[in-house]
Amino acid sequence: MRRRLHELATDAGEADRLILASAAFLTPPGVPAAVPPPGRPLGGVTPTAASVTDDLGQLAEAGLTACTLWLPVAAEHVGDAMEWIAAEVAPQLT
């Protein structure tokens, strides 16, 4: 994506200023989903820290700058989901 933006831009700085962002659904292992995701979830249907990290890496390689995680879980499980992300996924990101 980023390469194509540079090809189309009349000013290289314009393409660099863009923040390419997306949202991805993630239901961590052991946390019940409140609703099914509307497509393939980040990390696949049985995500692991490695599969989530791999998917995020592929998105970054494609030019994505930011990814918002949508957690389709009930409010009482949000803390558990966030703890899993912080403990298992975040340490693998560089």
C-alpha atoms as a PDB file:
ATOM      1  CA  MET A   1       0.000   0.000   0.000  1.00  0.00           C
ATOM      2  CA  ARG A   2       2.656   2.460   1.042  1.00  0.00           C
ATOM      3  CA  ARG A   3       4.660   1.837  -2.146  1.00  0.00           C
ATOM      4  CA  ARG A   4       1.589   2.458  -4.296  1.00  0.00           C
ATOM      5  CA  LEU A   5       0.826   5.686  -2.428  1.00  0.00           C
ATOM      6  CA  HIS A   6       4.368   6.894  -3.180  1.00  0.00           C
ATOM      7  CA  GLU A   7       3.857   6.054  -6.852  1.00  0.00           C
ATOM      8  CA  LEU A   8       0.632   8.072  -6.990  1.00  0.00           C
ATOM      9  CA  ALA A   9       1.704  11.021  -4.847  1.00  0.00           C
ATOM     10  CA  THR A  10       2.827  14.228  -6.503  1.00  0.00           C
ATOM     11  CA  ASP A  11       4.905  14.957  -3.382  1.00  0.00           C
ATOM     12  CA  ALA A  12       6.698  12.119  -1.562  1.00  0.00           C
ATOM     13  CA  GLY A  13       6.087  13.858   1.767  1.00  0.00           C
ATOM     14  CA  GLU A  14       2.333  13.559   1.237  1.00  0.00           C
ATOM     15  CA  ALA A  15       2.496   9.772   1.188  1.00  0.00           C
ATOM     16  CA  ASP A  16       4.705   9.674   4.282  1.00  0.00           C
ATOM     17  CA  ARG A  17       2.288  11.836   6.283  1.00  0.00           C
ATOM     18  CA  LEU A  18      -0.588   9.406   5.845  1.00  0.00           C
ATOM     19  CA  ILE A  19      -1.403   7.100   8.710  1.00  0.00           C
ATOM     20  CA  LEU A  20      -2.811   3.876   7.346  1.00  0.00           C
ATOM     21  CA  ALA A  21      -5.053   2.346   9.973  1.00  0.00           C
ATOM     22  CA  SER A  22      -7.464  -0.532  10.204  1.00  0.00           C
ATOM     23  CA  ALA A  23      -9.533  -2.359  12.773  1.00  0.00           C
ATOM     24  CA  ALA A  24      -9.234  -6.071  13.445  1.00  0.00           C
ATOM     25  CA  PHE A  25     -11.361  -8.363  15.556  1.00  0.00           C
ATOM     26  CA  LEU A  26      -9.612 -10.504  18.145  1.00  0.00           C
ATOM     27  CA  THR A  27     -11.022 -12.968  20.657  1.00  0.00           C
ATOM     28  CA  PRO A  28      -8.134 -14.200  22.813  1.00  0.00           C
ATOM     29  CA  PRO A  29      -7.959 -17.893  23.725  1.00  0.00           C
ATOM     30  CA  GLY A  30     -10.017 -18.783  26.785  1.00  0.00           C
ATOM     31  CA  VAL A  31     -12.177 -15.664  26.469  1.00  0.00           C
ATOM     32  CA  PRO A  32     -15.695 -16.341  25.184  1.00  0.00           C
ATOM     33  CA  ALA A  33     -16.891 -14.300  22.235  1.00  0.00           C
ATOM     34  CA  ALA A  34     -20.094 -12.349  22.801  1.00  0.00           C
ATOM     35  CA  VAL A  35     -20.714 -12.079  19.056  1.00  0.00           C
ATOM     36  CA  PRO A  36     -19.062 -13.723  16.063  1.00  0.00           C
ATOM     37  CA  PRO A  37     -16.549 -11.563  14.178  1.00  0.00           C
ATOM     38  CA  PRO A  38     -17.718 -10.345  10.760  1.00  0.00           C
ATOM     39  CA  GLY A  39     -14.822 -12.039   8.979  1.00  0.00           C
ATOM     40  CA  ARG A  40     -11.511 -13.710   9.675  1.00  0.00           C
ATOM     41  CA  PRO A  41     -10.334 -12.591  13.109  1.00  0.00           C
ATOM     42  CA  LEU A  42      -6.790 -11.447  13.743  1.00  0.00           C
ATOM     43  CA  GLY A  43      -4.681 -14.525  14.395  1.00  0.00           C
ATOM     44  CA  GLY A  44      -7.326 -16.856  12.936  1.00  0.00           C
ATOM     45  CA  VAL A  45     -10.226 -18.646  14.601  1.00  0.00           C
ATOM     46  CA  THR A  46      -7.963 -20.141  17.280  1.00  0.00           C
ATOM     47  CA  PRO A  47      -5.468 -17.331  17.811  1.00  0.00           C
ATOM     48  CA  THR A  48      -2.158 -17.695  19.558  1.00  0.00           C
ATOM     49  CA  ALA A  49       0.251 -14.922  20.443  1.00  0.00           C
ATOM     50  CA  ALA A  50       2.421 -16.059  17.527  1.00  0.00           C
ATOM     51  CA  SER A  51      -0.447 -16.060  14.995  1.00  0.00           C
ATOM     52  CA  VAL A  52      -1.619 -12.607  16.113  1.00  0.00           C
ATOM     53  CA  THR A  53       1.930 -11.255  15.922  1.00  0.00           C
ATOM     54  CA  ASP A  54       2.362 -12.816  12.485  1.00  0.00           C
ATOM     55  CA  ASP A  55      -0.852 -11.230  11.193  1.00  0.00           C
ATOM     56  CA  LEU A  56       0.172  -7.832  12.586  1.00  0.00           C
ATOM     57  CA  GLY A  57       3.565  -8.200  10.925  1.00  0.00           C
ATOM     58  CA  GLN A  58       1.959  -8.946   7.576  1.00  0.00           C
ATOM     59  CA  LEU A  59      -0.286  -5.898   7.934  1.00  0.00           C
ATOM     60  CA  ALA A  60       2.740  -3.744   8.752  1.00  0.00           C
ATOM     61  CA  GLU A  61       4.607  -5.102   5.714  1.00  0.00           C
ATOM     62  CA  ALA A  62       1.603  -4.119   3.594  1.00  0.00           C
ATOM     63  CA  GLY A  63       1.973  -0.557   4.878  1.00  0.00           C
ATOM     64  CA  LEU A  64      -0.444  -0.439   7.798  1.00  0.00           C
ATOM     65  CA  THR A  65       0.634   2.080  10.420  1.00  0.00           C
ATOM     66  CA  ALA A  66      -1.931   1.451  13.166  1.00  0.00           C
ATOM     67  CA  CYS A  67      -4.313  -1.352  14.048  1.00  0.00           C
ATOM     68  CA  THR A  68      -7.206  -0.964  16.447  1.00  0.00           C
ATOM     69  CA  LEU A  69      -8.231  -4.195  18.124  1.00  0.00           C
ATOM     70  CA  TRP A  70     -11.949  -4.767  18.483  1.00  0.00           C
ATOM     71  CA  LEU A  71     -12.702  -7.311  21.178  1.00  0.00           C
ATOM     72  CA  PRO A  72     -16.092  -8.933  20.559  1.00  0.00           C
ATOM     73  CA  VAL A  73     -16.358 -10.030  24.187  1.00  0.00           C
ATOM     74  CA  ALA A  74     -18.759  -9.222  27.013  1.00  0.00           C
ATOM     75  CA  ALA A  75     -17.768  -6.343  29.285  1.00  0.00           C
ATOM     76  CA  GLU A  76     -16.861  -8.664  32.150  1.00  0.00           C
ATOM     77  CA  HIS A  77     -14.227 -10.372  29.944  1.00  0.00           C
ATOM     78  CA  VAL A  78     -12.535  -7.257  28.551  1.00  0.00           C
ATOM     79  CA  GLY A  79      -9.966  -7.216  31.381  1.00  0.00           C
ATOM     80  CA  ASP A  80      -8.979 -10.831  30.717  1.00  0.00           C
ATOM     81  CA  ALA A  81      -8.693 -10.134  26.994  1.00  0.00           C
ATOM     82  CA  MET A  82      -6.538  -7.060  27.573  1.00  0.00           C
ATOM     83  CA  GLU A  83      -4.323  -8.936  30.036  1.00  0.00           C
ATOM     84  CA  TRP A  84      -3.704 -11.697  27.470  1.00  0.00           C
ATOM     85  CA  ILE A  85      -2.787  -9.142  24.811  1.00  0.00           C
ATOM     86  CA  ALA A  86      -0.463  -7.294  27.204  1.00  0.00           C
ATOM     87  CA  ALA A  87       1.211 -10.459  28.523  1.00  0.00           C
ATOM     88  CA  GLU A  88       1.363 -12.622  25.398  1.00  0.00           C
ATOM     89  CA  VAL A  89       1.231 -10.436  22.279  1.00  0.00           C
ATOM     90  CA  ALA A  90       2.736  -7.062  23.225  1.00  0.00           C
ATOM     91  CA  PRO A  91       6.127  -8.498  24.293  1.00  0.00           C
ATOM     92  CA  GLN A  92       6.528 -10.040  20.836  1.00  0.00           C
ATOM     93  CA  LEU A  93       6.035  -6.740  19.031  1.00  0.00           C
ATOM     94  CA  THR A  94       9.131  -4.719  18.253  1.00  0.00           C
END
